[in-house]
Amino acid sequence: MLMTTDIKEQFHLPEMGVYLLNHSVGCLPNTASQSFQNDFLEPWKQQGSHAWEHWLNNLTQFNAALASLLNGETQQFCPQTNLSSALTKILGSLPSAPAGSHILLSERDFPSMGFVIQTLCESFGLKPRFIPSEADLTDLNRWDEMLSDDTWLAFITHVQSNNSLRLPVAEITELTRKKQVISVVDIAQSAGIVPIDLNAWQADFVIGSSVKWLCGGPGSGYLWASDDIIEQCKPIDVGWFSHQDPMEFDIHHFEYAEGARRFTGGTPSVMPFSLSSKSIRYLNSIGIDTIFKHNQKLINQMINLIKPGKIQSPLEQEMRGGTLAISFQDNQKVLEAMSSSGIACDLRSEGLRFSPHIYNTEEDVDHLVEVINVLEG
């Protein structure tokens, strides 16, 4: 078994019983409290304003941890509060789109992303175009058809949140490059559980979060920008940390920083990234391949043992993220039974979602299966 007791003991698991909500919030690493003390509070207590040197290094370490995790370069990453803010900054930074252009997205994308795109389309004189919810998002012919001559930008969700469908991003971005369409990839539901190679994708932008599989807590999102597009980006939401020399203090002179740092804006948040960088490094030391294999082993165990219910996630491992969605005859009743039995999961449009991480065990799955099979008969 890939999971070891030593790994499980590195996290604070909720006392409720079996925690399978890692698609929502990953469990708190044991190192978090000490990291918060050493990397945020102590420099502040001991150095006051001079703590900034230490704090800014925390941001650099966060970017470096992501670079190692995702096969990118440190300067290509920029910390962000969340994905919505990151997407807003990206869309607002790009040269004006040709008149009549549209942004392509799917009706299955996370609603917050749709809110951003539709609002900015209205402001910029663009149109959103949706791939219908019933469409097969893994069908490259459908993407080829929807990426028409008037497509300016395509938003691509690597792993869908409701059913964990995993899209062939490298093949889709190959299409966008051929058609000269800007690509933005959402990895909120895949970073930390599915191996990702940004060099292989060759997307223009990638946005993500640390709160889920990366166990880094809220407030530590990020964006990645390719070297091929960054010089075209002139963010509207700027501040002194977007400036090439933040310490110049000349109000009459502004020059965008090199790399993704131009997306920073004003004085950056520090605390969330002080925590998440340590978590990312720890998970990366285990190996995302190892974590994914363990996750898929437990999901396959669920699929093989659960008698009733309709599996809504792909049965093929190569098409699936880290979550298993199951629809039952009475989803609300099953959800209540899960809660009463100490199993943490949630309910969305595709059914109940169960997401095992590296610290979950075969015994956790056995307990889940027993509750479901007794309930559903």
Protein backbone atom coordinates (compact mmCIF):
# COMPACT_ATOMS: atom_id res chain seq x y z
CA MET A 1 0.00 0.00 0.00
CA LEU A 2 1.42 3.38 -1.04
CA MET A 3 0.13 5.32 1.94
CA THR A 4 2.20 4.89 5.11
CA THR A 5 1.41 5.62 8.72
CA ASP A 6 4.30 8.09 8.71
CA ILE A 7 2.63 10.15 5.97
CA LYS A 8 -0.77 10.09 7.66
CA GLU A 9 0.79 11.37 10.86
CA GLN A 10 2.10 14.44 9.01
CA PHE A 11 -1.43 15.88 8.78
CA HIS A 12 -4.18 16.93 11.16
CA LEU A 13 -7.15 14.81 10.08
CA PRO A 14 -10.58 15.94 11.33
CA GLU A 15 -11.88 13.85 14.19
CA MET A 16 -15.21 13.24 12.42
CA GLY A 17 -13.91 9.95 10.97
CA VAL A 18 -13.22 9.50 7.26
CA TYR A 19 -12.28 12.72 5.48
CA LEU A 20 -13.02 12.64 1.73
CA LEU A 21 -13.45 16.37 1.04
CA ASN A 22 -9.97 16.98 -0.37
CA HIS A 23 -11.50 18.43 -3.54
CA SER A 24 -12.75 21.23 -1.29
CA VAL A 25 -10.13 21.75 1.45
CA GLY A 26 -7.02 19.64 1.96
CA CYS A 27 -6.09 18.70 5.51
CA LEU A 28 -3.80 20.88 7.60
CA PRO A 29 -0.15 19.76 7.62
CA ASN A 30 1.50 19.37 11.02
CA THR A 31 4.15 21.86 9.94
CA ALA A 32 1.62 24.65 9.38
CA SER A 33 1.62 26.07 12.92
CA GLN A 34 5.40 26.13 13.13
CA SER A 35 5.70 27.61 9.65
CA PHE A 36 3.25 30.33 10.58
CA GLN A 37 5.27 31.07 13.70
CA ASN A 38 8.74 30.93 12.11
CA ASP A 39 8.06 32.46 8.71
CA PHE A 40 5.45 35.07 9.55
CA LEU A 41 5.04 35.92 13.24
CA GLU A 42 8.66 35.70 14.44
CA PRO A 43 10.13 37.98 11.76
CA TRP A 44 7.36 40.48 12.54
CA LYS A 45 7.97 40.28 16.30
CA GLN A 46 11.75 40.43 16.03
CA GLN A 47 12.27 42.79 13.11
CA GLY A 48 9.19 44.94 12.61
CA SER A 49 9.42 46.61 9.21
CA HIS A 50 12.62 44.73 8.44
CA ALA A 51 10.53 41.54 8.36
CA TRP A 52 9.72 42.37 4.76
CA GLU A 53 12.95 40.81 3.54
CA HIS A 54 11.95 37.52 5.12
CA TRP A 55 8.32 37.85 4.05
CA LEU A 56 9.17 38.51 0.41
CA ASN A 57 11.43 35.50 0.43
CA ASN A 58 8.37 33.48 1.47
CA LEU A 59 6.68 34.55 -1.77
CA THR A 60 9.74 33.57 -3.77
CA GLN A 61 9.77 30.19 -2.03
CA PHE A 62 6.08 29.73 -2.89
CA ASN A 63 6.77 30.43 -6.57
CA ALA A 64 9.77 28.10 -6.50
CA ALA A 65 7.71 25.31 -4.91
CA LEU A 66 5.11 25.65 -7.67
CA ALA A 67 7.83 25.66 -10.31
CA SER A 68 9.15 22.37 -8.97
CA LEU A 69 5.68 20.87 -8.70
CA LEU A 70 4.47 21.88 -12.17
CA ASN A 71 7.72 21.95 -14.19
CA GLY A 72 7.83 25.70 -14.69
CA GLU A 73 10.21 28.54 -13.86
CA THR A 74 10.00 30.55 -10.66
CA GLN A 75 9.65 33.91 -12.44
CA GLN A 76 6.67 32.60 -14.43
CA PHE A 77 4.49 32.40 -11.30
CA CYS A 78 2.76 35.15 -9.38
CA PRO A 79 0.85 34.67 -6.10
CA GLN A 80 -2.83 35.58 -6.26
CA THR A 81 -5.67 35.65 -3.75
CA ASN A 82 -7.86 33.29 -5.78
CA LEU A 83 -8.61 32.10 -9.31
CA SER A 84 -11.27 34.71 -10.02
CA SER A 85 -8.87 37.54 -9.25
CA ALA A 86 -6.14 35.88 -11.31
CA LEU A 87 -8.43 35.45 -14.31
CA THR A 88 -9.64 39.05 -14.04
CA LYS A 89 -6.06 40.31 -14.03
CA ILE A 90 -5.11 38.17 -17.02
CA LEU A 91 -8.05 39.22 -19.18
CA GLY A 92 -7.53 42.87 -18.29
CA SER A 93 -3.84 42.75 -19.16
CA LEU A 94 -4.09 41.61 -22.77
CA PRO A 95 -4.16 43.74 -25.94
CA SER A 96 -7.68 44.53 -27.12
CA ALA A 97 -9.39 41.70 -28.92
CA PRO A 98 -10.61 42.20 -32.50
CA ALA A 99 -14.18 43.49 -32.77
CA GLY A 100 -16.75 40.70 -32.66
CA SER A 101 -14.44 38.26 -30.92
CA HIS A 102 -15.60 35.82 -28.28
CA ILE A 103 -14.24 33.89 -25.32
CA LEU A 104 -14.87 30.16 -25.36
CA LEU A 105 -15.72 28.28 -22.15
CA SER A 106 -17.85 25.34 -21.09
CA GLU A 107 -21.14 25.31 -19.24
CA ARG A 108 -19.49 22.74 -16.98
CA ASP A 109 -16.74 25.12 -15.83
CA PHE A 110 -16.81 26.38 -12.26
CA PRO A 111 -19.41 29.19 -12.11
CA SER A 112 -17.01 31.75 -10.63
CA MET A 113 -14.92 31.55 -13.80
CA GLY A 114 -18.04 32.10 -15.88
CA PHE A 115 -18.99 35.13 -13.81
CA VAL A 116 -15.60 36.72 -14.49
CA ILE A 117 -15.67 35.98 -18.22
CA GLN A 118 -19.23 37.15 -18.78
CA THR A 119 -18.74 40.37 -16.81
CA LEU A 120 -15.51 41.25 -18.61
CA CYS A 121 -16.99 40.33 -21.99
CA GLU A 122 -19.70 42.90 -21.34
CA SER A 123 -17.10 45.51 -20.39
CA PHE A 124 -14.78 44.77 -23.32
CA GLY A 125 -17.43 44.41 -26.01
CA LEU A 126 -16.82 40.68 -26.39
CA LYS A 127 -19.17 37.72 -26.36
CA PRO A 128 -18.99 34.55 -24.28
CA ARG A 129 -19.54 31.32 -26.20
CA PHE A 130 -20.37 28.19 -24.23
CA ILE A 131 -19.64 24.60 -25.10
CA PRO A 132 -22.97 22.97 -24.10
CA SER A 133 -23.06 20.96 -20.89
CA GLU A 134 -24.04 17.80 -22.76
CA ALA A 135 -20.97 17.98 -25.04
CA ASP A 136 -18.05 15.59 -24.61
CA LEU A 137 -15.26 17.87 -23.45
CA THR A 138 -12.66 15.23 -24.26
CA ASP A 139 -13.67 15.25 -27.93
CA LEU A 140 -10.95 17.14 -29.81
CA ASN A 141 -13.19 17.41 -32.87
CA ARG A 142 -15.69 19.38 -30.77
CA TRP A 143 -12.95 21.72 -29.59
CA ASP A 144 -11.72 22.10 -33.17
CA GLU A 145 -15.24 23.02 -34.23
CA MET A 146 -15.83 25.50 -31.38
CA LEU A 147 -12.43 27.20 -31.80
CA SER A 148 -13.63 29.25 -34.74
CA ASP A 149 -11.97 32.17 -36.52
CA ASP A 150 -13.54 34.69 -34.14
CA THR A 151 -12.35 32.94 -30.96
CA TRP A 152 -10.00 35.24 -29.06
CA LEU A 153 -9.43 33.22 -25.92
CA ALA A 154 -10.28 29.71 -24.70
CA PHE A 155 -10.81 28.84 -21.05
CA ILE A 156 -9.98 25.19 -20.31
CA THR A 157 -10.65 23.39 -17.04
CA HIS A 158 -8.18 20.53 -16.59
CA VAL A 159 -10.38 18.55 -14.18
CA GLN A 160 -14.09 19.30 -13.89
CA SER A 161 -15.21 19.89 -10.31
CA ASN A 162 -18.57 18.10 -10.38
CA ASN A 163 -17.63 14.78 -11.98
CA SER A 164 -13.79 14.82 -12.09
CA LEU A 165 -13.63 14.50 -15.88
CA ARG A 166 -10.03 15.15 -16.94
CA LEU A 167 -9.52 17.00 -20.22
CA PRO A 168 -6.65 16.34 -22.67
CA VAL A 169 -5.13 19.77 -22.13
CA ALA A 170 -1.97 19.26 -24.19
CA GLU A 171 -4.02 18.30 -27.24
CA ILE A 172 -6.47 21.17 -26.75
CA THR A 173 -3.71 23.77 -26.36
CA GLU A 174 -2.06 22.38 -29.48
CA LEU A 175 -5.27 23.33 -31.27
CA THR A 176 -5.36 26.80 -29.70
CA ARG A 177 -1.77 27.47 -30.77
CA LYS A 178 -2.49 26.43 -34.34
CA LYS A 179 -5.54 28.68 -34.42
CA GLN A 180 -3.71 31.54 -32.62
CA VAL A 181 -6.20 31.50 -29.76
CA ILE A 182 -5.04 32.53 -26.27
CA SER A 183 -5.40 29.72 -23.73
CA VAL A 184 -6.07 29.89 -19.98
CA VAL A 185 -6.07 26.58 -18.06
CA ASP A 186 -7.71 26.10 -14.65
CA ILE A 187 -5.88 23.53 -12.48
CA ALA A 188 -7.74 24.11 -9.21
CA GLN A 189 -8.99 20.50 -9.12
CA SER A 190 -5.83 18.86 -10.43
CA ALA A 191 -2.75 20.53 -8.93
CA GLY A 192 -1.40 18.29 -6.19
CA ILE A 193 -3.24 15.15 -7.26
CA VAL A 194 -2.73 14.79 -11.05
CA PRO A 195 0.82 15.06 -12.47
CA ILE A 196 1.14 18.28 -14.52
CA ASP A 197 3.89 19.36 -16.90
CA LEU A 198 3.47 22.98 -17.98
CA ASN A 199 6.22 22.65 -20.57
CA ALA A 200 4.31 19.85 -22.25
CA TRP A 201 1.08 21.84 -22.29
CA GLN A 202 2.54 25.06 -23.72
CA ALA A 203 -0.54 27.00 -22.62
CA ASP A 204 -0.46 30.79 -22.42
CA PHE A 205 -1.74 31.04 -18.84
CA VAL A 206 -2.50 28.66 -15.98
CA ILE A 207 -4.36 29.54 -12.79
CA GLY A 208 -4.75 27.50 -9.63
CA SER A 209 -5.31 27.31 -5.90
CA SER A 210 -3.55 25.75 -2.90
CA VAL A 211 -6.63 25.24 -0.76
CA LYS A 212 -7.63 21.86 -2.18
CA TRP A 213 -5.26 18.99 -2.98
CA LEU A 214 -2.18 21.08 -2.14
CA CYS A 215 -3.31 21.41 1.51
CA GLY A 216 -2.12 25.02 1.57
CA GLY A 217 -5.22 26.78 2.87
CA PRO A 218 -7.30 29.62 1.38
CA GLY A 219 -5.82 32.83 0.03
CA SER A 220 -2.83 31.25 -1.71
CA GLY A 221 -3.82 31.11 -5.34
CA TYR A 222 -1.48 31.72 -8.25
CA LEU A 223 -1.15 32.39 -11.93
CA TRP A 224 1.47 31.23 -14.41
CA ALA A 225 2.25 33.07 -17.63
CA SER A 226 4.30 31.69 -20.50
CA ASP A 227 7.42 33.48 -21.66
CA ASP A 228 5.86 33.79 -25.12
CA ILE A 229 3.01 36.02 -23.96
CA ILE A 230 4.19 37.84 -20.85
CA GLU A 231 5.60 40.87 -22.68
CA GLN A 232 2.17 41.49 -24.22
CA CYS A 233 0.61 41.67 -20.75
CA LYS A 234 -0.01 45.11 -19.31
CA PRO A 235 -2.13 44.57 -16.19
CA ILE A 236 -4.57 47.31 -15.24
CA ASP A 237 -4.53 46.34 -11.57
CA VAL A 238 -1.01 47.49 -10.79
CA GLY A 239 0.88 48.81 -7.78
CA TRP A 240 4.41 49.31 -6.62
CA PHE A 241 5.16 45.57 -6.65
CA SER A 242 4.19 45.45 -10.32
CA HIS A 243 6.98 47.96 -11.00
CA GLN A 244 10.37 46.78 -12.22
CA ASP A 245 12.00 48.55 -9.26
CA PRO A 246 9.48 48.76 -6.39
CA MET A 247 11.93 50.79 -4.30
CA GLU A 248 12.44 53.52 -6.89
CA PHE A 249 9.59 55.65 -5.49
CA ASP A 250 9.29 57.91 -8.54
CA ILE A 251 5.59 58.64 -9.03
CA HIS A 252 6.26 59.80 -12.61
CA HIS A 253 7.93 56.58 -13.73
CA PHE A 254 6.35 53.15 -14.00
CA GLU A 255 7.78 50.16 -15.84
CA TYR A 256 6.24 46.70 -15.76
CA ALA A 257 8.33 44.14 -13.93
CA GLU A 258 9.83 41.32 -15.91
CA GLY A 259 8.02 38.01 -15.76
CA ALA A 260 4.76 37.31 -13.96
CA ARG A 261 5.58 39.64 -11.05
CA ARG A 262 3.90 42.42 -13.01
CA PHE A 263 0.60 40.83 -11.91
CA THR A 264 1.34 41.38 -8.20
CA GLY A 265 -0.28 44.80 -7.82
CA GLY A 266 0.18 46.62 -4.53
CA THR A 267 1.55 45.39 -1.20
CA PRO A 268 1.22 41.60 -1.37
CA SER A 269 -0.39 39.28 1.10
CA VAL A 270 2.24 37.13 2.79
CA MET A 271 0.74 34.90 5.47
CA PRO A 272 -1.13 32.34 3.27
CA PHE A 273 1.92 31.74 1.11
CA SER A 274 4.17 31.25 4.13
CA LEU A 275 2.02 28.25 5.00
CA SER A 276 1.30 26.80 1.57
CA SER A 277 4.88 26.72 0.26
CA LYS A 278 5.83 24.19 2.94
CA SER A 279 2.84 22.00 2.16
CA ILE A 280 3.57 22.05 -1.57
CA ARG A 281 7.19 21.08 -0.97
CA TYR A 282 6.18 18.22 1.30
CA LEU A 283 3.66 16.79 -1.19
CA ASN A 284 6.20 17.18 -3.97
CA SER A 285 8.73 15.25 -1.89
CA ILE A 286 6.29 12.35 -1.76
CA GLY A 287 5.76 12.67 -5.49
CA ILE A 288 2.54 13.56 -7.29
CA ASP A 289 2.81 10.34 -9.29
CA THR A 290 2.80 8.40 -6.02
CA ILE A 291 -0.10 10.42 -4.62
CA PHE A 292 -2.13 9.96 -7.80
CA LYS A 293 -1.54 6.20 -7.92
CA HIS A 294 -2.67 5.89 -4.31
CA ASN A 295 -5.73 8.04 -4.98
CA GLN A 296 -6.70 6.02 -8.06
CA LYS A 297 -6.21 2.73 -6.21
CA LEU A 298 -8.73 3.84 -3.58
CA ILE A 299 -11.16 5.15 -6.20
CA ASN A 300 -10.99 1.85 -8.09
CA GLN A 301 -11.62 0.09 -4.80
CA MET A 302 -14.80 2.14 -4.39
CA ILE A 303 -15.94 1.45 -7.95
CA ASN A 304 -15.42 -2.29 -7.55
CA LEU A 305 -17.15 -2.65 -4.18
CA ILE A 306 -20.07 -0.20 -4.22
CA LYS A 307 -23.12 -2.16 -5.40
CA PRO A 308 -25.83 0.48 -5.92
CA GLY A 309 -25.51 3.96 -7.26
CA LYS A 310 -24.50 5.27 -10.64
CA ILE A 311 -20.86 6.23 -11.15
CA GLN A 312 -20.81 9.70 -12.72
CA SER A 313 -17.04 10.05 -12.98
CA PRO A 314 -15.14 8.41 -15.85
CA LEU A 315 -14.40 4.75 -15.29
CA GLU A 316 -11.19 5.09 -17.31
CA GLN A 317 -8.34 6.20 -15.04
CA GLU A 318 -6.66 8.27 -17.78
CA MET A 319 -9.81 10.39 -18.09
CA ARG A 320 -10.34 10.97 -14.36
CA GLY A 321 -9.08 13.39 -11.74
CA GLY A 322 -8.91 12.66 -8.01
CA THR A 323 -12.64 12.59 -7.20
CA LEU A 324 -15.33 9.96 -7.61
CA ALA A 325 -18.88 11.25 -8.10
CA ILE A 326 -21.74 8.83 -7.46
CA SER A 327 -25.46 9.47 -7.93
CA PHE A 328 -27.93 7.53 -5.81
CA GLN A 329 -31.69 7.17 -5.88
CA ASP A 330 -31.91 9.61 -2.97
CA ASN A 331 -28.70 11.63 -2.81
CA GLN A 332 -29.78 13.71 0.16
CA LYS A 333 -30.58 10.61 2.19
CA VAL A 334 -27.18 9.11 1.41
CA LEU A 335 -25.44 12.39 2.26
CA GLU A 336 -27.14 12.43 5.66
CA ALA A 337 -26.12 8.82 6.24
CA MET A 338 -22.52 9.72 5.39
CA SER A 339 -22.55 12.51 7.95
CA SER A 340 -24.08 10.29 10.62
CA SER A 341 -21.40 7.68 9.95
CA GLY A 342 -18.53 10.17 10.24
CA ILE A 343 -17.76 10.32 6.52
CA ALA A 344 -17.07 13.78 5.12
CA CYS A 345 -18.20 14.29 1.52
CA ASP A 346 -20.50 16.68 -0.32
CA LEU A 347 -23.29 16.80 -2.88
CA ARG A 348 -23.23 18.53 -6.27
CA SER A 349 -25.18 18.25 -9.51
CA GLU A 350 -23.55 14.96 -10.52
CA GLY A 351 -24.06 13.32 -7.12
CA LEU A 352 -21.98 12.81 -3.99
CA ARG A 353 -18.27 13.53 -4.30
CA PHE A 354 -15.59 11.42 -2.58
CA SER A 355 -11.93 12.49 -2.84
CA PRO A 356 -9.24 10.34 -1.17
CA HIS A 357 -5.78 11.84 -0.59
CA ILE A 358 -2.43 10.30 0.32
CA TYR A 359 -3.44 10.17 4.00
CA ASN A 360 -6.61 8.16 3.31
CA THR A 361 -6.54 4.38 3.63
CA GLU A 362 -8.16 1.23 2.29
CA GLU A 363 -9.93 0.98 5.66
CA ASP A 364 -11.50 4.39 4.99
CA VAL A 365 -12.90 3.08 1.72
CA ASP A 366 -14.12 -0.13 3.36
CA HIS A 367 -16.09 1.93 5.88
CA LEU A 368 -17.58 4.08 3.12
CA VAL A 369 -18.57 1.05 1.06
CA GLU A 370 -20.14 -0.66 4.06
CA VAL A 371 -22.33 2.36 4.84
CA ILE A 372 -23.47 2.73 1.23
CA ASN A 373 -24.20 -0.93 0.64
CA VAL A 374 -26.18 -1.28 3.87
CA LEU A 375 -28.12 1.89 3.12
CA GLU A 376 -28.89 1.10 -0.51
CA GLY A 377 -29.30 -2.63 0.02
